[in-house]
Amino acid sequence: MLHRLSADKGARIILGAAMVAAALAVPMSAHAQAGGNYPDKPIRLIIPYPPGGATDVIGRIVGKHLGDEIGNQIVIENRGGAGGNIGAAEVARAKADGYTLLMGALTSHSVMATLEKDKLQYDLRKDLTPVGIVGSVPLVAVVTPSVPIHTLKELVDHAKKNPGKLNFASSGAGAPQRMAMELFKQIAGVNIVHVAYRGSGPAMTDLVGGQVETMTETVPAAISFIKSGQLRPLAVLTPERISMLPDIPTAKEQGFSGFNVSSLFGVMAPAGTPVPVVDKLNKALTTALARAEVKAQLLEQGVYADALSVEASKTRLNAEIEQWAKVIRDGKISVN
């Protein structure tokens, strides 16, 4: 009997000690999940395009300065393919701990969320969450100089007089460059035929050569052709004039108030990443983007830095998704 009582007492002591240990472990675990020690190892930044492109260059600038600010190394990994969707899907499937992030071309991802919805292996809204907006690259509407068009109104008039005879180039079926012109067609009520190319380079070559008449393109890709006189700019598609082309009027100035398009970039994390971790990343990103040297480096790549809070970034991304979903629906646009 004495032996049994001693055993019971020992069991109670062991159980009590285990309960105390568990109780002490809970706040430590919660602290870790809240990002108190984050980051204690390098962070992967997946760039969903091959090296050398705009997203890659932007991602490397952001990665360097974000790493400096947050106190650990940002390791860049390129995962190109399927228009950015392979890399995005990899991040969407990654552990939601803040150690795998996406350098997103958010306008392109937003377009694909509707245009290729059935083909994607992730849901942009459900499987990823914004860490913060980095900034945007403005677009400009241009024409080959051989056509008698100098303004957006003249483009509309010419298109209406020649329905289906004008062609516009784009860098790809789901590219922001294509979607910008599809939006313009809907606003202006004109029929301009889409010609898709494999990238901006071939599209610009044919536009300069007069094989197609017009297109909307990112300012960094078009600016050298504009300055050399090989392309004629009609309008920048930002709400205000831009420093890179200060003499070119906006679409809004020419009476096209709904024709505002930029190519948006931002950092995203897997859905379910702890809020304190996302907030810590956002704070570091915002601080980095506020530095004059970082703004200058991004502007050299045509990016106007525009850091937003987590909530404002979510609102901006949702607006982007909804805008292009409507354009695609209204225009019955397909990926072909």
Protein backbone atom coordinates (compact mmCIF):
# COMPACT_ATOMS: atom_id res chain seq x y z
CA MET A 1 0.00 0.00 0.00
CA LEU A 2 2.81 2.38 0.95
CA HIS A 3 4.54 1.66 -2.36
CA ARG A 4 1.34 2.41 -4.30
CA LEU A 5 0.83 5.75 -2.49
CA SER A 6 4.42 6.75 -3.24
CA ALA A 7 3.93 5.88 -6.90
CA ASP A 8 0.73 7.94 -7.10
CA LYS A 9 2.47 10.87 -5.46
CA GLY A 10 5.38 10.59 -7.89
CA ALA A 11 3.02 10.51 -10.83
CA ARG A 12 1.29 13.65 -9.57
CA ILE A 13 4.64 15.42 -9.24
CA ILE A 14 5.66 14.45 -12.78
CA LEU A 15 2.26 15.51 -14.16
CA GLY A 16 2.45 18.81 -12.34
CA ALA A 17 5.92 19.50 -13.67
CA ALA A 18 4.76 18.70 -17.20
CA MET A 19 1.82 21.11 -16.86
CA VAL A 20 4.12 23.88 -15.62
CA ALA A 21 6.49 23.25 -18.53
CA ALA A 22 3.61 23.35 -21.00
CA ALA A 23 2.30 26.57 -19.50
CA LEU A 24 5.75 28.17 -19.78
CA ALA A 25 6.13 26.94 -23.36
CA VAL A 26 2.92 28.59 -24.61
CA PRO A 27 4.05 32.20 -24.29
CA MET A 28 7.45 31.29 -25.74
CA SER A 29 5.76 29.68 -28.76
CA ALA A 30 3.41 32.61 -29.17
CA HIS A 31 6.38 34.97 -28.96
CA ALA A 32 8.17 33.04 -31.68
CA GLN A 33 5.07 33.03 -33.90
CA ALA A 34 4.67 36.74 -33.34
CA GLY A 35 8.05 37.29 -34.94
CA GLY A 36 9.97 38.27 -31.80
CA ASN A 37 13.10 36.51 -33.10
CA TYR A 38 12.27 36.95 -36.78
CA PRO A 39 14.27 36.72 -38.92
CA ASP A 40 16.90 34.42 -37.43
CA LYS A 41 17.95 32.97 -40.81
CA PRO A 42 18.13 34.16 -44.45
CA ILE A 43 14.89 34.93 -46.30
CA ARG A 44 14.20 33.63 -49.81
CA LEU A 45 12.83 36.17 -52.29
CA ILE A 46 11.40 34.33 -55.29
CA ILE A 47 11.46 36.29 -58.53
CA PRO A 48 9.02 34.53 -60.89
CA TYR A 49 10.87 35.56 -64.06
CA PRO A 50 14.31 34.82 -65.56
CA PRO A 51 17.32 36.99 -64.62
CA GLY A 52 17.74 40.32 -66.36
CA GLY A 53 14.11 41.40 -66.72
CA ALA A 54 12.42 44.31 -65.00
CA THR A 55 11.04 42.28 -62.09
CA ASP A 56 14.45 40.68 -61.53
CA VAL A 57 16.26 44.02 -61.43
CA ILE A 58 13.63 45.55 -59.15
CA GLY A 59 13.68 42.48 -56.90
CA ARG A 60 17.44 42.62 -56.46
CA ILE A 61 17.32 46.28 -55.45
CA VAL A 62 14.47 45.62 -53.03
CA GLY A 63 16.10 42.45 -51.66
CA LYS A 64 19.39 44.18 -50.91
CA HIS A 65 17.87 47.08 -49.01
CA LEU A 66 15.11 45.07 -47.32
CA GLY A 67 17.78 42.70 -46.03
CA ASP A 68 19.86 45.60 -44.71
CA GLU A 69 16.85 47.02 -42.91
CA ILE A 70 15.44 43.82 -41.42
CA GLY A 71 18.80 42.50 -40.30
CA ASN A 72 19.28 39.31 -42.30
CA GLN A 73 20.22 38.24 -45.80
CA ILE A 74 17.65 38.17 -48.60
CA VAL A 75 18.54 35.35 -50.99
CA ILE A 76 17.30 35.93 -54.55
CA GLU A 77 15.98 32.88 -56.41
CA ASN A 78 14.68 33.09 -59.98
CA ARG A 79 11.80 30.73 -60.77
CA GLY A 80 10.76 31.77 -64.27
CA GLY A 81 8.07 30.23 -66.45
CA ALA A 82 4.38 30.44 -67.37
CA GLY A 83 4.30 34.21 -67.26
CA GLY A 84 5.36 34.38 -63.62
CA ASN A 85 2.88 31.78 -62.43
CA ILE A 86 5.36 29.01 -61.59
CA GLY A 87 7.27 31.17 -59.12
CA ALA A 88 4.07 32.58 -57.63
CA ALA A 89 2.69 29.08 -57.13
CA GLU A 90 5.89 28.02 -55.36
CA VAL A 91 5.54 30.84 -52.85
CA ALA A 92 1.84 30.13 -52.40
CA ARG A 93 2.72 26.54 -51.39
CA ALA A 94 5.60 27.53 -49.12
CA LYS A 95 5.49 27.41 -45.33
CA ALA A 96 3.80 30.56 -44.01
CA ASP A 97 6.64 31.63 -41.72
CA GLY A 98 7.99 34.73 -43.47
CA TYR A 99 11.07 32.99 -44.87
CA THR A 100 9.76 32.66 -48.44
CA LEU A 101 8.52 35.79 -50.22
CA LEU A 102 7.47 36.71 -53.76
CA MET A 103 8.67 39.71 -55.74
CA GLY A 104 5.45 40.11 -57.64
CA ALA A 105 4.67 41.86 -60.91
CA LEU A 106 1.25 42.53 -59.44
CA THR A 107 -0.49 43.89 -62.52
CA SER A 108 0.50 40.80 -64.50
CA HIS A 109 -0.55 38.49 -61.66
CA SER A 110 -3.85 40.37 -61.36
CA VAL A 111 -4.58 39.96 -65.06
CA MET A 112 -3.75 36.25 -64.96
CA ALA A 113 -6.00 35.77 -61.93
CA THR A 114 -8.92 36.14 -64.35
CA LEU A 115 -7.45 35.49 -67.79
CA GLU A 116 -5.90 32.12 -66.86
CA LYS A 117 -7.91 31.33 -63.75
CA ASP A 118 -8.53 27.68 -64.67
CA LYS A 119 -4.85 27.04 -65.41
CA LEU A 120 -3.31 28.54 -62.26
CA GLN A 121 -2.12 26.36 -59.40
CA TYR A 122 -2.79 29.07 -56.83
CA ASP A 123 -5.38 31.71 -55.99
CA LEU A 124 -3.88 35.20 -55.84
CA ARG A 125 -6.27 36.39 -53.15
CA LYS A 126 -6.57 33.22 -51.07
CA ASP A 127 -3.05 31.78 -51.22
CA LEU A 128 -0.92 34.93 -51.04
CA THR A 129 -1.01 38.07 -48.92
CA PRO A 130 0.60 41.46 -49.63
CA VAL A 131 3.61 42.48 -47.57
CA GLY A 132 3.76 45.85 -49.27
CA ILE A 133 3.65 47.73 -52.55
CA VAL A 134 7.07 48.67 -53.89
CA GLY A 135 6.02 51.04 -56.66
CA SER A 136 4.89 51.25 -60.25
CA VAL A 137 6.30 51.61 -63.74
CA PRO A 138 4.33 54.09 -65.88
CA LEU A 139 3.05 53.29 -69.36
CA VAL A 140 2.97 55.53 -72.41
CA ALA A 141 0.83 55.32 -75.55
CA VAL A 142 2.94 55.60 -78.70
CA VAL A 143 2.51 55.38 -82.47
CA THR A 144 4.83 54.82 -85.38
CA PRO A 145 5.56 58.25 -86.96
CA SER A 146 4.28 57.12 -90.36
CA VAL A 147 0.66 57.48 -89.17
CA PRO A 148 -0.95 60.98 -89.01
CA ILE A 149 -1.73 60.74 -85.27
CA HIS A 150 -0.43 63.10 -82.57
CA THR A 151 -3.01 62.84 -79.77
CA LEU A 152 -5.34 60.27 -78.26
CA LYS A 153 -8.31 62.04 -79.84
CA GLU A 154 -6.67 61.75 -83.26
CA LEU A 155 -6.06 58.05 -82.57
CA VAL A 156 -9.76 57.59 -81.79
CA ASP A 157 -10.83 59.54 -84.89
CA HIS A 158 -8.45 57.58 -87.12
CA ALA A 159 -9.59 54.25 -85.66
CA LYS A 160 -13.27 55.13 -86.15
CA LYS A 161 -12.66 56.10 -89.76
CA ASN A 162 -10.71 52.87 -90.31
CA PRO A 163 -12.43 50.25 -88.12
CA GLY A 164 -10.41 47.05 -87.76
CA LYS A 165 -7.57 48.38 -89.91
CA LEU A 166 -5.31 49.68 -87.14
CA ASN A 167 -3.16 47.16 -85.26
CA PHE A 168 -1.67 47.44 -81.80
CA ALA A 169 1.30 45.45 -80.56
CA SER A 170 1.82 43.99 -77.11
CA SER A 171 4.54 42.08 -75.30
CA GLY A 172 2.18 39.18 -74.60
CA ALA A 173 -1.45 38.12 -74.43
CA GLY A 174 -1.80 38.80 -70.71
CA ALA A 175 0.69 41.64 -70.39
CA PRO A 176 -0.24 45.01 -68.84
CA GLN A 177 0.70 46.56 -72.18
CA ARG A 178 -2.08 44.62 -73.89
CA MET A 179 -4.61 45.24 -71.14
CA ALA A 180 -3.98 48.98 -71.21
CA MET A 181 -4.92 49.14 -74.89
CA GLU A 182 -7.91 46.85 -74.36
CA LEU A 183 -9.10 49.30 -71.69
CA PHE A 184 -8.59 52.20 -74.08
CA LYS A 185 -10.62 50.44 -76.78
CA GLN A 186 -13.52 50.04 -74.34
CA ILE A 187 -13.36 53.64 -73.13
CA ALA A 188 -13.08 55.10 -76.64
CA GLY A 189 -15.37 52.61 -78.39
CA VAL A 190 -12.89 51.75 -81.13
CA ASN A 191 -11.83 48.59 -82.92
CA ILE A 192 -8.05 48.18 -82.97
CA VAL A 193 -6.67 44.70 -83.64
CA HIS A 194 -4.31 43.06 -81.15
CA VAL A 195 -1.03 41.55 -82.34
CA ALA A 196 0.81 39.65 -79.60
CA TYR A 197 4.58 39.30 -79.53
CA ARG A 198 6.95 37.31 -77.35
CA GLY A 199 8.23 40.25 -75.34
CA SER A 200 8.60 44.00 -75.67
CA GLY A 201 11.70 43.82 -77.88
CA PRO A 202 10.07 42.20 -80.93
CA ALA A 203 6.93 44.31 -80.46
CA MET A 204 8.91 47.55 -80.41
CA THR A 205 10.95 46.47 -83.45
CA ASP A 206 7.82 45.99 -85.55
CA LEU A 207 6.24 49.18 -84.24
CA VAL A 208 9.33 51.22 -85.13
CA GLY A 209 9.37 49.49 -88.52
CA GLY A 210 5.72 50.36 -89.19
CA GLN A 211 4.41 46.78 -89.29
CA VAL A 212 1.97 47.79 -86.52
CA GLU A 213 0.69 51.28 -85.84
CA THR A 214 0.43 51.73 -82.09
CA MET A 215 0.88 50.24 -78.64
CA THR A 216 1.06 51.09 -74.96
CA GLU A 217 4.46 50.29 -73.47
CA THR A 218 6.37 50.86 -70.26
CA VAL A 219 8.23 54.16 -70.31
CA PRO A 220 11.66 52.54 -69.71
CA ALA A 221 11.22 50.32 -72.79
CA ALA A 222 9.93 53.12 -75.01
CA ILE A 223 11.85 56.20 -73.90
CA SER A 224 14.94 55.77 -76.07
CA PHE A 225 12.74 55.36 -79.19
CA ILE A 226 10.75 58.43 -78.20
CA LYS A 227 13.88 60.56 -77.69
CA SER A 228 15.34 59.40 -81.01
CA GLY A 229 12.14 60.25 -82.86
CA GLN A 230 11.50 56.65 -83.89
CA LEU A 231 8.21 56.65 -81.97
CA ARG A 232 5.72 59.43 -81.32
CA PRO A 233 4.29 59.63 -77.78
CA LEU A 234 0.59 60.41 -77.42
CA ALA A 235 0.06 60.32 -73.67
CA VAL A 236 1.41 58.96 -70.41
CA LEU A 237 -1.14 56.78 -68.65
CA THR A 238 -0.49 58.00 -65.09
CA PRO A 239 -2.82 60.40 -63.24
CA GLU A 240 -0.09 63.09 -63.29
CA ARG A 241 2.77 63.89 -65.64
CA ILE A 242 6.01 62.06 -64.93
CA SER A 243 9.60 63.26 -64.54
CA MET A 244 10.93 60.95 -67.26
CA LEU A 245 8.64 62.52 -69.90
CA PRO A 246 7.65 65.87 -68.40
CA ASP A 247 6.41 67.38 -71.67
CA ILE A 248 4.05 64.54 -72.55
CA PRO A 249 0.44 65.14 -71.41
CA THR A 250 -1.55 62.57 -69.49
CA ALA A 251 -4.53 60.74 -70.92
CA LYS A 252 -6.65 62.55 -68.33
CA GLU A 253 -5.51 65.93 -69.69
CA GLN A 254 -6.81 64.81 -73.08
CA GLY A 255 -10.25 63.88 -71.77
CA PHE A 256 -9.72 60.16 -71.06
CA SER A 257 -10.10 60.16 -67.28
CA GLY A 258 -10.50 56.39 -66.93
CA PHE A 259 -7.38 55.54 -68.89
CA ASN A 260 -4.88 55.33 -66.02
CA VAL A 261 -2.56 52.33 -66.10
CA SER A 262 0.80 51.54 -64.52
CA SER A 263 2.60 48.25 -64.02
CA LEU A 264 2.47 47.60 -60.27
CA PHE A 265 5.14 45.75 -58.27
CA GLY A 266 5.09 44.49 -54.70
CA VAL A 267 6.26 41.88 -52.20
CA MET A 268 3.92 39.08 -51.15
CA ALA A 269 4.01 36.23 -48.63
CA PRO A 270 2.12 32.95 -48.30
CA ALA A 271 -1.37 33.37 -46.84
CA GLY A 272 -1.39 32.64 -43.12
CA THR A 273 1.99 34.24 -42.44
CA PRO A 274 1.74 35.61 -38.86
CA VAL A 275 0.52 39.20 -38.80
CA PRO A 276 3.45 40.45 -36.68
CA VAL A 277 5.88 38.97 -39.21
CA VAL A 278 4.09 40.66 -42.14
CA ASP A 279 3.98 43.93 -40.20
CA LYS A 280 7.70 43.71 -39.44
CA LEU A 281 8.47 43.09 -43.12
CA ASN A 282 6.22 45.97 -44.18
CA LYS A 283 7.88 48.35 -41.74
CA ALA A 284 11.34 47.35 -43.01
CA LEU A 285 10.22 47.69 -46.64
CA THR A 286 8.64 51.09 -46.02
CA THR A 287 11.77 52.35 -44.27
CA ALA A 288 14.01 51.08 -47.08
CA LEU A 289 11.87 52.65 -49.81
CA ALA A 290 11.93 56.00 -48.03
CA ARG A 291 15.69 56.28 -48.50
CA ALA A 292 16.77 58.69 -51.23
CA GLU A 293 19.35 56.29 -52.65
CA VAL A 294 16.82 53.49 -52.93
CA LYS A 295 14.29 55.75 -54.66
CA ALA A 296 17.02 56.85 -57.07
CA GLN A 297 18.06 53.27 -57.85
CA LEU A 298 14.47 52.29 -58.56
CA LEU A 299 13.82 55.38 -60.66
CA GLU A 300 16.82 54.46 -62.83
CA GLN A 301 14.80 51.34 -63.67
CA GLY A 302 11.67 53.39 -64.34
CA VAL A 303 10.03 52.58 -61.01
CA TYR A 304 8.36 55.28 -58.95
CA ALA A 305 8.61 54.05 -55.35
CA ASP A 306 5.30 54.14 -53.50
CA ALA A 307 5.43 52.23 -50.22
CA LEU A 308 2.02 51.45 -48.69
CA SER A 309 0.86 49.93 -45.42
CA VAL A 310 -0.26 46.30 -45.37
CA GLU A 311 -3.94 47.25 -45.45
CA ALA A 312 -3.45 49.87 -48.16
CA SER A 313 -1.47 47.31 -50.19
CA LYS A 314 -4.35 44.82 -49.90
CA THR A 315 -6.79 47.50 -51.07
CA ARG A 316 -4.54 48.43 -54.00
CA LEU A 317 -4.12 44.81 -55.07
CA ASN A 318 -7.85 44.09 -54.85
CA ALA A 319 -8.55 47.17 -56.98
CA GLU A 320 -6.05 45.92 -59.56
CA ILE A 321 -7.66 42.47 -59.68
CA GLU A 322 -11.17 43.91 -59.99
CA GLN A 323 -10.20 46.43 -62.67
CA TRP A 324 -8.71 43.82 -64.99
CA ALA A 325 -11.41 41.26 -64.29
CA LYS A 326 -13.97 43.82 -65.52
CA VAL A 327 -11.92 44.71 -68.61
CA ILE A 328 -11.53 41.02 -69.48
CA ARG A 329 -15.23 40.28 -68.94
CA ASP A 330 -16.50 43.34 -70.80
CA GLY A 331 -14.15 42.78 -73.73
CA LYS A 332 -14.64 39.01 -73.80
CA ILE A 333 -10.84 38.81 -73.86
CA SER A 334 -9.08 35.47 -74.09
CA VAL A 335 -5.45 34.53 -73.68
CA ASN A 336 -5.20 33.87 -77.43
